[in-house]
Amino acid sequence: MAEPRRRQYPVEHNLLLTATLCLLAFGAVMVFSATSAPNVLDGGDGTGYLVKYLAYGAVGLLVMQILARGGLDIVRRFTPVLLGVAFVLLIAVKVPGIGVEVNGAQRWIGVGPLTFQPSEIMKLAIVIYMAQFLAERPKRMNSVKTLVSPLLIVVGAACLLIASQPDLGTAIIIGFTTLALLLIAGAPMGVLGKLLGSAGLIVALAAFLEPYRRARLMSFLDPWADAGGAGFQAVQGQIAVGSGGLFGLGPGQSVQKIHYLPEAHTDFILAVIGEELGLIGILALLTLYGLIAYAGLRTAKGARSQYERLLAAGITSLIVGQALLNVFAVLGLAPLTGEPLPFVSNGSTSITVLLAAMGVLLNIASRGALQLRAVAPPEKAQGSPPHADRDRSGGNGRARGARSGGRRRAAG
């Protein structure tokens, strides 16, 4: 009895899965390294953040596995529900007694001992909504006027609610993903130029109208001018990365993580990686994100429909764009935004939502492989001679018949 054939996944699927699992393993090690010593000094056992990271990572992996098997159909059916829930949760953040304030920002909702960040859900909801809208109404991209209602109204409302928390970094990521999706969908360059100019003006106004954002912008230009104030976190991050050199101080040997570098396990975990593993560690991390970018765009290119192509490209842009923004901020190439490093930073909602997004991307990659197998020509039976079909009919058969008939006539 023949054994059932194992399902073969395309190389894009395998690259996406491998890179994601490597980033999660990398994140678990670095979260433990960044938090164990400070936690012990504060009276803990050093494993609290690691246990939390592993718990949410396990939930995220379960969701990723479910969506990788049939997530595209689920997502497409419940897109309006997901978008509506995301808006309701963003509004609930502002309600006293429901929203939770941390370090002056009210971005979380508390449910007992658990908290989650609705803006992370909104990022994925916007990508899914835009992919469906642009796939079903491609002619709406021909002008800014036709894009405004309802697409840009929905995106603008989401960004406004998120920026008011305040969380300008997440709003910027949504804006970047929106422009990337419009570009991939084929929007005219004139429309993209107008949108980019408008978005840049809005971000500049938002940065200068709020004193703390203005201070962050000024500290980005010269963080050492106020190393003990607005530029403190940027300076400590640069010290950590610079101390690591090429090969780093060694795993667990970071000094900056011990109450020098704020948010060492979330926004600035890359600084700890640079200090302990050096430039080699940072390059290894960037290589993994590069694999996600390559495999994600290849998945979009080989997708079966415009909707799948846009959704794959949108999810890839979301993950890679957030990673680049975090890397640029830590290295001093962009203002601080407070965005976590995808799959690596300790962030419960971020890990779960991004793993769910990766599950959808894996599902699209596997569906593309099924399409290729469906249109592939059937294999010939093993052992058949190379010209068997020609021997049974056609020129060769007629030649043999003519030769045998000639012999019979000669015999007669």
Protein backbone atom coordinates (compact mmCIF):
# COMPACT_ATOMS: atom_id res chain seq x y z
CA MET A 1 0.00 0.00 0.00
CA ALA A 2 1.46 3.33 -1.04
CA GLU A 3 2.25 5.82 1.73
CA PRO A 4 0.32 9.13 1.61
CA ARG A 5 2.42 11.92 0.16
CA ARG A 6 3.41 14.66 2.57
CA ARG A 7 2.21 18.13 1.66
CA GLN A 8 5.04 20.09 0.08
CA TYR A 9 5.22 23.80 0.81
CA PRO A 10 6.94 26.33 -1.44
CA VAL A 11 10.25 27.86 -0.46
CA GLU A 12 8.53 31.17 0.40
CA HIS A 13 6.39 29.43 3.01
CA ASN A 14 9.41 27.70 4.54
CA LEU A 15 11.46 30.91 4.60
CA LEU A 16 8.67 32.84 6.32
CA LEU A 17 8.14 30.14 8.93
CA THR A 18 11.85 29.65 9.59
CA ALA A 19 12.58 33.38 9.92
CA THR A 20 9.62 33.86 12.27
CA LEU A 21 10.60 30.98 14.55
CA CYS A 22 14.23 32.16 14.62
CA LEU A 23 13.11 35.68 15.59
CA LEU A 24 10.93 34.27 18.37
CA ALA A 25 13.80 32.18 19.73
CA PHE A 26 16.09 35.20 19.46
CA GLY A 27 13.49 37.30 21.28
CA ALA A 28 13.07 34.82 24.14
CA VAL A 29 16.83 34.74 24.78
CA MET A 30 17.23 38.52 24.60
CA VAL A 31 14.15 39.32 26.70
CA PHE A 32 15.50 37.04 29.43
CA SER A 33 18.94 38.62 29.14
CA ALA A 34 17.56 42.17 29.22
CA THR A 35 15.29 41.62 32.24
CA SER A 36 16.79 38.91 34.44
CA ALA A 37 19.48 40.99 36.19
CA PRO A 38 17.32 44.11 36.80
CA ASN A 39 14.48 41.89 38.00
CA VAL A 40 16.72 40.09 40.49
CA LEU A 41 18.06 43.41 41.77
CA ASP A 42 14.47 44.53 42.33
CA GLY A 43 13.70 41.40 44.37
CA GLY A 44 12.28 39.12 41.67
CA ASP A 45 13.40 35.71 40.47
CA GLY A 46 14.55 36.98 37.06
CA THR A 47 12.08 34.95 34.98
CA GLY A 48 8.89 37.04 35.11
CA TYR A 49 9.23 38.73 31.72
CA LEU A 50 10.46 35.55 30.06
CA VAL A 51 7.42 33.59 31.25
CA LYS A 52 5.13 36.34 29.97
CA TYR A 53 6.91 36.41 26.61
CA LEU A 54 6.70 32.62 26.25
CA ALA A 55 3.02 32.55 27.24
CA TYR A 56 1.95 35.14 24.68
CA GLY A 57 4.31 33.62 22.11
CA ALA A 58 2.60 30.25 22.58
CA VAL A 59 -0.84 31.81 22.13
CA GLY A 60 0.39 33.64 19.04
CA LEU A 61 1.87 30.46 17.55
CA LEU A 62 -1.43 28.65 18.08
CA VAL A 63 -3.33 31.44 16.31
CA MET A 64 -0.70 31.47 13.54
CA GLN A 65 -1.10 27.73 13.00
CA ILE A 66 -4.90 28.01 12.78
CA LEU A 67 -4.78 30.92 10.34
CA ALA A 68 -2.05 29.27 8.27
CA ARG A 69 -4.47 26.44 7.52
CA GLY A 70 -7.54 28.47 6.55
CA GLY A 71 -7.08 32.00 7.75
CA LEU A 72 -7.67 33.79 4.46
CA ASP A 73 -11.31 32.74 4.23
CA ILE A 74 -11.89 33.65 7.90
CA VAL A 75 -10.23 37.04 7.55
CA ARG A 76 -12.12 37.96 4.39
CA ARG A 77 -15.48 37.03 5.91
CA PHE A 78 -14.96 38.95 9.16
CA THR A 79 -13.11 42.04 7.89
CA PRO A 80 -15.94 44.51 8.77
CA VAL A 81 -16.31 42.95 12.23
CA LEU A 82 -12.57 43.15 12.93
CA LEU A 83 -12.40 46.79 11.81
CA GLY A 84 -15.44 47.72 13.88
CA VAL A 85 -14.10 46.00 17.00
CA ALA A 86 -10.75 47.76 16.57
CA PHE A 87 -12.46 51.17 16.46
CA VAL A 88 -14.60 50.38 19.51
CA LEU A 89 -11.51 49.32 21.46
CA LEU A 90 -9.62 52.49 20.45
CA ILE A 91 -12.49 54.58 21.77
CA ALA A 92 -12.71 52.47 24.95
CA VAL A 93 -9.08 53.33 25.71
CA LYS A 94 -10.28 56.89 26.46
CA VAL A 95 -12.99 55.75 28.89
CA PRO A 96 -12.01 56.20 32.57
CA GLY A 97 -11.82 52.90 34.39
CA ILE A 98 -11.22 50.96 31.17
CA GLY A 99 -8.15 52.60 29.68
CA VAL A 100 -4.82 52.09 31.46
CA GLU A 101 -2.22 54.87 31.58
CA VAL A 102 1.48 53.98 31.54
CA ASN A 103 4.26 56.60 31.50
CA GLY A 104 1.84 59.36 30.55
CA ALA A 105 0.33 57.46 27.60
CA GLN A 106 -3.15 55.92 27.65
CA ARG A 107 -2.83 53.15 25.05
CA TRP A 108 -3.92 50.02 26.90
CA ILE A 109 -7.08 48.34 28.13
CA GLY A 110 -6.89 46.37 31.35
CA VAL A 111 -8.84 43.18 31.95
CA GLY A 112 -7.93 41.94 35.42
CA PRO A 113 -4.17 41.29 35.51
CA LEU A 114 -3.97 41.37 31.70
CA THR A 115 -3.56 44.40 29.45
CA PHE A 116 -3.61 44.70 25.69
CA GLN A 117 -3.04 47.49 23.18
CA PRO A 118 -5.91 48.05 20.69
CA SER A 119 -3.71 50.03 18.28
CA GLU A 120 -1.86 46.81 17.45
CA ILE A 121 -5.15 45.22 16.42
CA MET A 122 -6.02 48.29 14.35
CA LYS A 123 -2.76 48.02 12.36
CA LEU A 124 -3.70 44.58 11.08
CA ALA A 125 -7.37 45.52 10.61
CA ILE A 126 -6.42 48.48 8.39
CA VAL A 127 -4.20 46.27 6.19
CA ILE A 128 -6.96 43.69 5.74
CA TYR A 129 -9.59 46.36 5.03
CA MET A 130 -7.41 48.19 2.52
CA ALA A 131 -6.51 45.01 0.65
CA GLN A 132 -10.18 44.15 0.23
CA PHE A 133 -11.20 47.69 -0.73
CA LEU A 134 -8.47 48.20 -3.33
CA ALA A 135 -9.00 44.75 -4.85
CA GLU A 136 -12.75 45.32 -5.26
CA ARG A 137 -12.61 48.98 -6.32
CA PRO A 138 -9.40 49.53 -8.31
CA LYS A 139 -10.75 52.58 -10.16
CA ARG A 140 -11.05 54.52 -6.89
CA MET A 141 -7.25 54.98 -6.90
CA ASN A 142 -7.28 57.27 -9.93
CA SER A 143 -7.70 60.43 -7.84
CA VAL A 144 -7.39 61.60 -4.25
CA LYS A 145 -11.03 62.67 -4.26
CA THR A 146 -12.33 59.16 -4.97
CA LEU A 147 -9.94 57.68 -2.40
CA VAL A 148 -11.07 59.95 0.41
CA SER A 149 -14.48 58.32 0.84
CA PRO A 150 -14.45 55.92 2.52
CA LEU A 151 -10.85 54.61 2.45
CA LEU A 152 -8.86 57.63 3.61
CA ILE A 153 -11.59 58.62 6.06
CA VAL A 154 -11.29 55.22 7.75
CA VAL A 155 -7.48 55.33 7.76
CA GLY A 156 -7.42 58.96 8.93
CA ALA A 157 -9.88 58.29 11.76
CA ALA A 158 -7.78 55.35 12.97
CA CYS A 159 -4.58 57.40 12.86
CA LEU A 160 -6.25 60.31 14.68
CA LEU A 161 -7.49 58.09 17.51
CA ILE A 162 -4.09 56.41 17.85
CA ALA A 163 -2.13 59.67 17.73
CA SER A 164 -4.34 61.11 20.49
CA GLN A 165 -3.33 58.36 22.95
CA PRO A 166 -0.56 59.62 22.22
CA ASP A 167 1.10 57.08 19.89
CA LEU A 168 2.47 58.83 16.81
CA GLY A 169 4.75 55.89 15.95
CA THR A 170 1.87 53.48 15.29
CA ALA A 171 0.07 56.16 13.25
CA ILE A 172 3.22 56.58 11.13
CA ILE A 173 3.41 52.82 10.52
CA ILE A 174 -0.22 52.75 9.40
CA GLY A 175 0.50 55.68 7.07
CA PHE A 176 3.57 53.94 5.63
CA THR A 177 1.65 50.70 5.06
CA THR A 178 -1.18 52.63 3.39
CA LEU A 179 1.20 54.26 0.92
CA ALA A 180 2.93 50.92 0.25
CA LEU A 181 -0.39 49.23 -0.53
CA LEU A 182 -1.47 52.05 -2.84
CA LEU A 183 1.85 51.83 -4.66
CA ILE A 184 1.60 48.07 -5.11
CA ALA A 185 -2.05 48.36 -6.17
CA GLY A 186 -1.01 50.66 -9.02
CA ALA A 187 -2.10 54.11 -7.80
CA PRO A 188 -0.83 56.97 -10.05
CA MET A 189 2.38 58.64 -8.87
CA GLY A 190 0.60 62.01 -8.78
CA VAL A 191 -1.90 60.67 -6.25
CA LEU A 192 0.87 59.10 -4.16
CA GLY A 193 2.85 62.36 -4.22
CA LYS A 194 -0.12 64.37 -2.94
CA LEU A 195 -0.81 61.85 -0.18
CA LEU A 196 2.85 61.70 0.83
CA GLY A 197 3.10 65.48 0.98
CA SER A 198 -0.08 65.77 3.03
CA ALA A 199 1.03 63.03 5.43
CA GLY A 200 4.43 64.66 5.91
CA LEU A 201 2.79 68.01 6.69
CA ILE A 202 0.42 66.42 9.21
CA VAL A 203 3.25 64.56 10.98
CA ALA A 204 5.34 67.74 11.15
CA LEU A 205 2.44 69.71 12.64
CA ALA A 206 1.71 66.94 15.15
CA ALA A 207 5.37 66.86 16.18
CA PHE A 208 5.67 70.60 16.73
CA LEU A 209 2.29 71.19 18.41
CA GLU A 210 3.06 68.83 21.32
CA PRO A 211 5.96 69.90 23.58
CA TYR A 212 7.16 66.37 24.31
CA ARG A 213 7.18 65.47 20.60
CA ARG A 214 9.05 68.66 19.80
CA ALA A 215 11.59 67.77 22.50
CA ARG A 216 12.00 64.29 21.00
CA LEU A 217 12.57 65.75 17.55
CA MET A 218 15.16 68.18 18.84
CA SER A 219 16.87 65.41 20.84
CA PHE A 220 17.01 63.28 17.69
CA LEU A 221 18.94 66.02 15.91
CA ASP A 222 21.43 66.28 18.80
CA PRO A 223 20.69 63.87 21.68
CA TRP A 224 23.94 64.68 23.47
CA ALA A 225 22.87 68.30 23.90
CA ASP A 226 20.39 67.12 26.55
CA ALA A 227 21.86 63.77 27.52
CA GLY A 228 20.25 63.86 30.96
CA GLY A 229 16.81 64.89 29.74
CA ALA A 230 15.01 64.42 26.43
CA GLY A 231 18.02 62.72 24.86
CA PHE A 232 18.69 60.33 27.75
CA GLN A 233 17.23 57.16 26.19
CA ALA A 234 18.80 57.80 22.78
CA VAL A 235 22.21 58.45 24.36
CA GLN A 236 22.07 55.32 26.52
CA GLY A 237 21.08 53.28 23.46
CA GLN A 238 24.01 54.62 21.46
CA ILE A 239 26.37 53.87 24.35
CA ALA A 240 25.09 50.29 24.47
CA VAL A 241 25.46 49.72 20.72
CA GLY A 242 28.88 51.38 20.66
CA SER A 243 30.12 49.32 23.61
CA GLY A 244 29.37 46.08 21.77
CA GLY A 245 31.72 46.71 18.88
CA LEU A 246 31.94 43.99 16.25
CA PHE A 247 31.39 40.85 18.32
CA GLY A 248 29.79 42.22 21.50
CA LEU A 249 30.56 41.77 25.18
CA GLY A 250 28.99 38.32 25.26
CA PRO A 251 25.52 36.96 26.07
CA GLY A 252 24.21 38.33 29.36
CA GLN A 253 27.10 40.80 29.76
CA SER A 254 25.21 44.02 29.00
CA VAL A 255 25.80 46.82 31.50
CA GLN A 256 23.30 49.36 30.10
CA LYS A 257 20.33 47.09 30.79
CA ILE A 258 20.86 47.39 34.55
CA HIS A 259 18.73 50.49 35.15
CA TYR A 260 20.65 52.66 32.68
CA LEU A 261 18.67 52.02 29.49
CA PRO A 262 14.90 52.65 29.81
CA GLU A 263 12.60 50.06 28.17
CA ALA A 264 15.53 47.72 27.48
CA HIS A 265 13.22 44.74 26.94
CA THR A 266 10.75 46.50 24.61
CA ASP A 267 11.56 49.57 22.50
CA PHE A 268 15.35 49.34 22.96
CA ILE A 269 16.00 45.62 22.97
CA LEU A 270 18.09 46.13 19.82
CA ALA A 271 20.55 48.17 21.92
CA VAL A 272 20.99 45.21 24.28
CA ILE A 273 21.50 42.94 21.28
CA GLY A 274 24.16 45.30 19.95
CA GLU A 275 25.94 45.49 23.30
CA GLU A 276 25.97 41.73 23.94
CA LEU A 277 26.26 40.35 20.39
CA GLY A 278 27.81 43.29 18.58
CA LEU A 279 27.40 44.30 14.97
CA ILE A 280 27.30 40.61 14.01
CA GLY A 281 24.17 40.10 16.12
CA ILE A 282 22.43 43.13 14.61
CA LEU A 283 23.27 41.99 11.08
CA ALA A 284 21.94 38.50 11.84
CA LEU A 285 18.69 40.05 13.04
CA LEU A 286 18.40 42.24 9.95
CA THR A 287 19.03 39.18 7.77
CA LEU A 288 15.98 37.47 9.28
CA TYR A 289 13.82 40.50 8.52
CA GLY A 290 15.31 40.56 5.04
CA LEU A 291 14.18 36.96 4.55
CA ILE A 292 10.64 37.94 5.59
CA ALA A 293 10.71 40.85 3.12
CA TYR A 294 11.97 38.63 0.29
CA ALA A 295 9.62 35.71 0.93
CA GLY A 296 6.65 37.98 1.62
CA LEU A 297 7.03 39.91 -1.63
CA ARG A 298 7.60 36.66 -3.54
CA THR A 299 4.39 35.36 -2.00
CA ALA A 300 2.57 38.50 -3.16
CA LYS A 301 3.98 38.09 -6.66
CA GLY A 302 2.77 34.50 -6.93
CA ALA A 303 -0.64 35.06 -5.31
CA ARG A 304 -3.75 33.76 -7.05
CA SER A 305 -5.79 36.98 -6.92
CA GLN A 306 -5.38 40.72 -6.54
CA TYR A 307 -6.82 40.54 -3.02
CA GLU A 308 -4.28 37.93 -1.92
CA ARG A 309 -1.48 39.87 -3.59
CA LEU A 310 -2.36 43.10 -1.78
CA LEU A 311 -2.89 41.37 1.54
CA ALA A 312 0.47 39.58 1.35
CA ALA A 313 2.25 42.80 0.38
CA GLY A 314 0.47 44.74 3.12
CA ILE A 315 1.37 42.29 5.89
CA THR A 316 4.98 42.19 4.68
CA SER A 317 5.14 46.01 4.61
CA LEU A 318 3.66 46.18 8.11
CA ILE A 319 6.22 43.82 9.66
CA VAL A 320 9.27 45.10 7.79
CA GLY A 321 8.28 48.77 8.13
CA GLN A 322 7.87 48.46 11.90
CA ALA A 323 11.20 46.65 12.18
CA LEU A 324 13.03 49.34 10.19
CA LEU A 325 11.45 52.16 12.21
CA ASN A 326 12.61 50.55 15.46
CA VAL A 327 16.12 49.89 14.12
CA PHE A 328 16.50 53.45 12.79
CA ALA A 329 15.29 54.92 16.10
CA VAL A 330 17.72 52.86 18.22
CA LEU A 331 20.65 53.64 15.92
CA GLY A 332 19.84 57.36 16.01
CA LEU A 333 18.69 57.56 12.38
CA ALA A 334 15.06 58.45 13.23
CA PRO A 335 13.22 60.07 16.16
CA LEU A 336 12.12 57.79 18.98
CA THR A 337 8.63 56.42 18.37
CA GLY A 338 8.20 53.72 21.02
CA GLU A 339 7.51 50.94 18.50
CA PRO A 340 8.57 47.41 19.52
CA LEU A 341 10.83 45.23 17.40
CA PRO A 342 8.53 42.66 15.70
CA PHE A 343 8.64 39.16 17.24
CA VAL A 344 11.62 40.12 19.43
CA SER A 345 10.54 42.85 21.87
CA ASN A 346 8.48 41.93 24.89
CA GLY A 347 4.99 43.09 23.97
CA SER A 348 2.01 40.83 24.53
CA THR A 349 -0.41 42.33 21.99
CA SER A 350 2.30 42.97 19.39
CA ILE A 351 3.55 39.38 19.45
CA THR A 352 0.08 37.86 19.25
CA VAL A 353 -1.21 40.14 16.47
CA LEU A 354 1.93 39.89 14.32
CA LEU A 355 1.96 36.09 14.62
CA ALA A 356 -1.68 36.09 13.53
CA ALA A 357 -0.70 38.25 10.54
CA MET A 358 2.11 35.84 9.73
CA GLY A 359 -0.41 32.98 9.80
CA VAL A 360 -2.46 34.71 7.09
CA LEU A 361 0.70 35.30 5.05
CA LEU A 362 1.66 31.62 5.36
CA ASN A 363 -1.82 30.65 4.19
CA ILE A 364 -1.46 32.82 1.08
CA ALA A 365 1.96 31.28 0.38
CA SER A 366 0.58 27.74 0.61
CA ARG A 367 -2.43 28.60 -1.60
CA GLY A 368 -0.06 29.86 -4.27
CA ALA A 369 1.73 26.51 -4.19
CA LEU A 370 -1.57 24.67 -4.60
CA GLN A 371 -2.31 26.74 -7.69
CA LEU A 372 1.04 25.86 -9.24
CA ARG A 373 0.46 22.16 -8.65
CA ALA A 374 -3.05 22.42 -10.12
CA VAL A 375 -1.81 23.78 -13.44
CA ALA A 376 1.30 21.60 -13.65
CA PRO A 377 1.26 19.03 -16.52
CA PRO A 378 0.70 15.40 -15.48
CA GLU A 379 3.82 13.32 -15.11
CA LYS A 380 4.36 10.45 -17.57
CA ALA A 381 4.37 6.93 -16.28
CA GLN A 382 7.75 5.70 -15.15
CA GLY A 383 9.51 3.29 -17.53
CA SER A 384 7.82 4.56 -20.69
CA PRO A 385 10.21 5.02 -23.59
CA PRO A 386 10.78 8.63 -24.62
CA HIS A 387 8.94 8.21 -27.95
CA ALA A 388 6.20 5.83 -26.81
CA ASP A 389 3.38 8.16 -27.87
CA ARG A 390 4.93 8.64 -31.29
CA ASP A 391 5.27 4.87 -31.71
CA ARG A 392 1.57 4.33 -31.02
CA SER A 393 0.31 6.89 -33.54
CA GLY A 394 1.41 9.55 -35.93
CA GLY A 395 4.32 9.47 -38.35
CA ASN A 396 6.23 6.59 -36.83
CA GLY A 397 3.17 4.32 -36.80
CA ARG A 398 2.34 5.10 -40.39
CA ALA A 399 5.94 4.43 -41.42
CA ARG A 400 5.87 1.00 -39.82
CA GLY A 401 2.54 0.24 -41.50
CA ALA A 402 3.84 1.32 -44.89
CA ARG A 403 6.93 -0.82 -44.50
CA SER A 404 4.98 -3.92 -43.46
CA GLY A 405 2.46 -3.39 -46.29
CA GLY A 406 5.28 -3.12 -48.80
CA ARG A 407 6.73 -6.40 -47.58
CA ARG A 408 3.36 -8.12 -47.92
CA ARG A 409 2.93 -6.86 -51.51
CA ALA A 410 6.40 -8.02 -52.37
CA ALA A 411 5.62 -11.46 -50.97
CA GLY A 412 2.40 -11.64 -52.99
